[in-house]
Structure formats: C-alpha cells, structure tokens
Amino acid sequence: MRDPFLDAAIEQARKSLSERGIPIGSVLVHEGKIIGRGHNCRVQTGSAIDHGEMNCLRNAGRLNSSIYRKCTLYSTLSPCPMCSGAIVLYKIPRVVVGENTTFLGAEDYLRSQGIVVDVLQDQECIALMERFIREKPELWNEDIGV
C-alpha cells in the first residue's frame, strides 16, 4: 500500500521537474492532514536556499510551535544540512524520507537531535533522482554545493 503523503511529495517533485527545476518535493503533515506543500525552486526563483523542505515550510506559513511539534515532514530525498537545521529548529519530531541512495543528507544529525527518521527507499523517488542526476549533473552539483 502506497503512502499518500509520500505520493503528495512525489507530486511536488514532478511539479518542480515540469518547471525545469530539481525534482525534490516535500509535504508537512499535521494530524493526518497536509498543511504545507513545496518543492525545490532554486532554479525557478533563483534562490540558493529554496530547497524542497524549506519551500514546504514557507508555504505552510507561520505556525505556532505546538503545531510543528506534532508534525511529520515528508521529503522525496534525504534532507541536506540546511533543511535538517530547519527541521531541528522547529522541533518537527519525525521525517519520512523517500530515498537516500542518490544523496545522503544529514540524517545522523537529525537522529542525534531525537528526530525519528524513516527511510523508505521508494523506487519511484530513486528513479526520478537518478534520471535527473544523469541528465543534469551540473545543476545537481550546484544544488548540493559540489
């Protein structure tokens, strides 16, 4: 059975790709309901920090800290150190990662801060990133700071 929240994050990743961006998507879930959606918009906005998770948090809007503490953040790809820092800052207790084979982010840091990290190794997420990395290696390397 597919996780509908991961599917929503994948939908965001596809949206970014259709906009000629980097195919990484994210959703913020509170008590079984999506309250924020986002995707990597670095190319679209020209912003170095407009990663999928950051975009999702921005789109969720200002929230009381008690809301964040009851959320799960879904991301199609392992969160980088910047996005992980935001997750820690807002004390989001759980992150569900679509895959970490194409990129291993700061999962150990998240776990060291008491955050539960579930990695699904979803084949669709892996295939999406593998294709993108193969077709646009320069853009991918720019995104991860290589």
C-alpha atoms as a PDB file:
ATOM      1  CA  MET A   1       0.000   0.000   0.000  1.00  0.00           C
ATOM      2  CA  ARG A   2       1.392   3.379  -1.059  1.00  0.00           C
ATOM      3  CA  ASP A   3       1.766   6.170   1.467  1.00  0.00           C
ATOM      4  CA  PRO A   4      -0.496   9.016   0.278  1.00  0.00           C
ATOM      5  CA  PHE A   5       1.744  11.624   1.899  1.00  0.00           C
ATOM      6  CA  LEU A   6       4.829  10.335   0.104  1.00  0.00           C
ATOM      7  CA  ASP A   7       2.776  10.347  -3.090  1.00  0.00           C
ATOM      8  CA  ALA A   8       1.925  14.018  -2.434  1.00  0.00           C
ATOM      9  CA  ALA A   9       5.639  14.778  -2.004  1.00  0.00           C
ATOM     10  CA  ILE A  10       6.401  12.931  -5.268  1.00  0.00           C
ATOM     11  CA  GLU A  11       3.718  15.025  -6.965  1.00  0.00           C
ATOM     12  CA  GLN A  12       5.586  18.128  -5.785  1.00  0.00           C
ATOM     13  CA  ALA A  13       8.866  16.730  -7.123  1.00  0.00           C
ATOM     14  CA  ARG A  14       7.262  16.150 -10.503  1.00  0.00           C
ATOM     15  CA  LYS A  15       5.884  19.693 -10.431  1.00  0.00           C
ATOM     16  CA  SER A  16       9.398  21.068  -9.947  1.00  0.00           C
ATOM     17  CA  LEU A  17      10.708  18.939 -12.806  1.00  0.00           C
ATOM     18  CA  SER A  18       7.909  20.191 -15.080  1.00  0.00           C
ATOM     19  CA  GLU A  19       9.051  23.740 -14.228  1.00  0.00           C
ATOM     20  CA  ARG A  20      12.620  22.773 -15.307  1.00  0.00           C
ATOM     21  CA  GLY A  21      13.662  22.604 -11.660  1.00  0.00           C
ATOM     22  CA  ILE A  22      15.176  19.979  -9.413  1.00  0.00           C
ATOM     23  CA  PRO A  23      12.745  17.111  -8.673  1.00  0.00           C
ATOM     24  CA  ILE A  24      12.580  17.174  -4.894  1.00  0.00           C
ATOM     25  CA  GLY A  25       9.232  17.514  -3.151  1.00  0.00           C
ATOM     26  CA  SER A  26       8.028  17.787   0.409  1.00  0.00           C
ATOM     27  CA  VAL A  27       4.833  17.934   2.445  1.00  0.00           C
ATOM     28  CA  LEU A  28       4.213  18.832   6.073  1.00  0.00           C
ATOM     29  CA  VAL A  29       1.573  16.690   7.764  1.00  0.00           C
ATOM     30  CA  HIS A  30      -0.271  17.573  10.979  1.00  0.00           C
ATOM     31  CA  GLU A  31      -2.727  15.098  12.496  1.00  0.00           C
ATOM     32  CA  GLY A  32      -3.257  13.264   9.210  1.00  0.00           C
ATOM     33  CA  LYS A  33      -3.704  16.388   7.073  1.00  0.00           C
ATOM     34  CA  ILE A  34      -1.275  18.106   4.722  1.00  0.00           C
ATOM     35  CA  ILE A  35      -0.736  21.664   5.936  1.00  0.00           C
ATOM     36  CA  GLY A  36       2.169  22.593   3.666  1.00  0.00           C
ATOM     37  CA  ARG A  37       3.457  21.553   0.253  1.00  0.00           C
ATOM     38  CA  GLY A  38       6.607  22.543  -1.522  1.00  0.00           C
ATOM     39  CA  HIS A  39       9.269  21.620  -3.997  1.00  0.00           C
ATOM     40  CA  ASN A  40      12.798  22.616  -4.822  1.00  0.00           C
ATOM     41  CA  CYS A  41      12.518  26.019  -6.512  1.00  0.00           C
ATOM     42  CA  ARG A  42      16.169  27.072  -6.690  1.00  0.00           C
ATOM     43  CA  VAL A  43      16.039  27.283 -10.483  1.00  0.00           C
ATOM     44  CA  GLN A  44      12.582  28.830 -10.616  1.00  0.00           C
ATOM     45  CA  THR A  45      13.215  31.572  -8.017  1.00  0.00           C
ATOM     46  CA  GLY A  46      16.969  31.964  -8.383  1.00  0.00           C
ATOM     47  CA  SER A  47      17.343  31.425  -4.642  1.00  0.00           C
ATOM     48  CA  ALA A  48      20.192  29.336  -3.258  1.00  0.00           C
ATOM     49  CA  ILE A  49      18.085  28.280  -0.260  1.00  0.00           C
ATOM     50  CA  ASP A  50      14.776  27.402  -1.922  1.00  0.00           C
ATOM     51  CA  HIS A  51      15.098  23.649  -1.317  1.00  0.00           C
ATOM     52  CA  GLY A  52      12.027  21.420  -1.206  1.00  0.00           C
ATOM     53  CA  GLU A  53      11.732  21.241   2.571  1.00  0.00           C
ATOM     54  CA  MET A  54      12.383  24.973   3.021  1.00  0.00           C
ATOM     55  CA  ASN A  55       9.789  25.777   0.352  1.00  0.00           C
ATOM     56  CA  CYS A  56       7.285  23.484   2.062  1.00  0.00           C
ATOM     57  CA  LEU A  57       7.817  25.157   5.437  1.00  0.00           C
ATOM     58  CA  ARG A  58       7.459  28.590   3.880  1.00  0.00           C
ATOM     59  CA  ASN A  59       4.251  27.561   2.136  1.00  0.00           C
ATOM     60  CA  ALA A  60       2.842  26.199   5.408  1.00  0.00           C
ATOM     61  CA  GLY A  61       3.033  29.750   6.734  1.00  0.00           C
ATOM     62  CA  ARG A  62       3.613  30.933  10.265  1.00  0.00           C
ATOM     63  CA  LEU A  63       2.595  28.259  12.719  1.00  0.00           C
ATOM     64  CA  ASN A  64       2.564  28.010  16.475  1.00  0.00           C
ATOM     65  CA  SER A  65       5.456  25.904  17.747  1.00  0.00           C
ATOM     66  CA  SER A  66       2.966  23.445  19.235  1.00  0.00           C
ATOM     67  CA  ILE A  67       1.817  22.600  15.692  1.00  0.00           C
ATOM     68  CA  TYR A  68       5.333  21.813  14.416  1.00  0.00           C
ATOM     69  CA  ARG A  69       5.882  19.500  17.381  1.00  0.00           C
ATOM     70  CA  LYS A  70       3.007  17.310  16.176  1.00  0.00           C
ATOM     71  CA  CYS A  71       4.029  17.187  12.507  1.00  0.00           C
ATOM     72  CA  THR A  72       5.755  14.792  10.181  1.00  0.00           C
ATOM     73  CA  LEU A  73       7.757  16.161   7.279  1.00  0.00           C
ATOM     74  CA  TYR A  74       7.863  14.024   4.152  1.00  0.00           C
ATOM     75  CA  SER A  75      10.618  14.566   1.614  1.00  0.00           C
ATOM     76  CA  THR A  76      11.367  12.646  -1.537  1.00  0.00           C
ATOM     77  CA  LEU A  77      15.088  12.947  -0.811  1.00  0.00           C
ATOM     78  CA  SER A  78      17.222  12.869   2.335  1.00  0.00           C
ATOM     79  CA  PRO A  79      17.280  16.419   3.782  1.00  0.00           C
ATOM     80  CA  CYS A  80      20.514  18.380   3.396  1.00  0.00           C
ATOM     81  CA  PRO A  81      22.179  20.046   6.406  1.00  0.00           C
ATOM     82  CA  MET A  82      20.340  23.343   5.792  1.00  0.00           C
ATOM     83  CA  CYS A  83      16.908  21.737   5.663  1.00  0.00           C
ATOM     84  CA  SER A  84      17.771  19.480   8.585  1.00  0.00           C
ATOM     85  CA  GLY A  85      18.651  22.578  10.604  1.00  0.00           C
ATOM     86  CA  ALA A  86      15.167  23.993   9.973  1.00  0.00           C
ATOM     87  CA  ILE A  87      13.598  20.681  10.998  1.00  0.00           C
ATOM     88  CA  VAL A  88      15.577  20.738  14.245  1.00  0.00           C
ATOM     89  CA  LEU A  89      14.832  24.430  14.849  1.00  0.00           C
ATOM     90  CA  TYR A  90      11.080  23.863  14.686  1.00  0.00           C
ATOM     91  CA  LYS A  91      11.312  20.567  16.582  1.00  0.00           C
ATOM     92  CA  ILE A  92       9.491  18.545  13.958  1.00  0.00           C
ATOM     93  CA  PRO A  93       9.645  15.106  15.575  1.00  0.00           C
ATOM     94  CA  ARG A  94       9.542  12.842  12.511  1.00  0.00           C
ATOM     95  CA  VAL A  95      10.855  12.898   8.964  1.00  0.00           C
ATOM     96  CA  VAL A  96       9.902  10.363   6.309  1.00  0.00           C
ATOM     97  CA  VAL A  97      12.486  10.190   3.523  1.00  0.00           C
ATOM     98  CA  GLY A  98      11.591   8.805   0.124  1.00  0.00           C
ATOM     99  CA  GLU A  99      15.160   7.742  -0.557  1.00  0.00           C
ATOM    100  CA  ASN A 100      18.767   8.338   0.431  1.00  0.00           C
ATOM    101  CA  THR A 101      20.584   6.276  -2.193  1.00  0.00           C
ATOM    102  CA  THR A 102      21.256   9.146  -4.583  1.00  0.00           C
ATOM    103  CA  PHE A 103      22.043  11.596  -1.756  1.00  0.00           C
ATOM    104  CA  LEU A 104      22.566  11.016   1.947  1.00  0.00           C
ATOM    105  CA  GLY A 105      21.762  14.196   3.813  1.00  0.00           C
ATOM    106  CA  ALA A 106      22.105  14.994   7.499  1.00  0.00           C
ATOM    107  CA  GLU A 107      20.087  12.051   8.789  1.00  0.00           C
ATOM    108  CA  ASP A 108      22.587  11.272  11.563  1.00  0.00           C
ATOM    109  CA  TYR A 109      22.325  14.877  12.776  1.00  0.00           C
ATOM    110  CA  LEU A 110      18.527  14.650  12.813  1.00  0.00           C
ATOM    111  CA  ARG A 111      18.646  11.421  14.772  1.00  0.00           C
ATOM    112  CA  SER A 112      21.178  12.891  17.225  1.00  0.00           C
ATOM    113  CA  GLN A 113      18.603  15.582  17.960  1.00  0.00           C
ATOM    114  CA  GLY A 114      15.932  12.999  18.815  1.00  0.00           C
ATOM    115  CA  ILE A 115      14.115  13.160  15.490  1.00  0.00           C
ATOM    116  CA  VAL A 116      12.755   9.907  14.100  1.00  0.00           C
ATOM    117  CA  VAL A 117      13.921   9.386  10.514  1.00  0.00           C
ATOM    118  CA  ASP A 118      12.218   6.719   8.431  1.00  0.00           C
ATOM    119  CA  VAL A 119      13.848   5.967   5.077  1.00  0.00           C
ATOM    120  CA  LEU A 120      11.580   4.168   2.619  1.00  0.00           C
ATOM    121  CA  GLN A 121      13.951   3.643  -0.361  1.00  0.00           C
ATOM    122  CA  ASP A 122      10.981   4.229  -2.646  1.00  0.00           C
ATOM    123  CA  GLN A 123      11.823   3.067  -6.173  1.00  0.00           C
ATOM    124  CA  GLU A 124       9.939   5.915  -7.811  1.00  0.00           C
ATOM    125  CA  CYS A 125      11.894   8.513  -5.809  1.00  0.00           C
ATOM    126  CA  ILE A 126      15.168   6.786  -6.652  1.00  0.00           C
ATOM    127  CA  ALA A 127      14.375   6.577 -10.374  1.00  0.00           C
ATOM    128  CA  LEU A 128      13.331  10.238 -10.507  1.00  0.00           C
ATOM    129  CA  MET A 129      16.594  11.430  -8.964  1.00  0.00           C
ATOM    130  CA  GLU A 130      18.838   9.002 -10.855  1.00  0.00           C
ATOM    131  CA  ARG A 131      17.418  10.208 -14.151  1.00  0.00           C
ATOM    132  CA  PHE A 132      17.752  13.866 -13.164  1.00  0.00           C
ATOM    133  CA  ILE A 133      21.340  13.452 -11.943  1.00  0.00           C
ATOM    134  CA  ARG A 134      22.264  11.606 -15.139  1.00  0.00           C
ATOM    135  CA  GLU A 135      20.644  14.237 -17.390  1.00  0.00           C
ATOM    136  CA  LYS A 136      21.626  17.401 -15.474  1.00  0.00           C
ATOM    137  CA  PRO A 137      24.749  16.697 -13.415  1.00  0.00           C
ATOM    138  CA  GLU A 138      25.888  20.334 -13.357  1.00  0.00           C
ATOM    139  CA  LEU A 139      22.580  21.546 -11.955  1.00  0.00           C
ATOM    140  CA  TRP A 140      22.537  18.727  -9.401  1.00  0.00           C
ATOM    141  CA  ASN A 141      26.066  19.507  -8.251  1.00  0.00           C
ATOM    142  CA  GLU A 142      25.132  23.180  -7.895  1.00  0.00           C
ATOM    143  CA  ASP A 143      22.174  22.224  -5.701  1.00  0.00           C
ATOM    144  CA  ILE A 144      24.261  20.180  -3.285  1.00  0.00           C
ATOM    145  CA  GLY A 145      27.204  22.582  -3.247  1.00  0.00           C
ATOM    146  CA  VAL A 146      29.744  20.487  -5.178  1.00  0.00           C
END
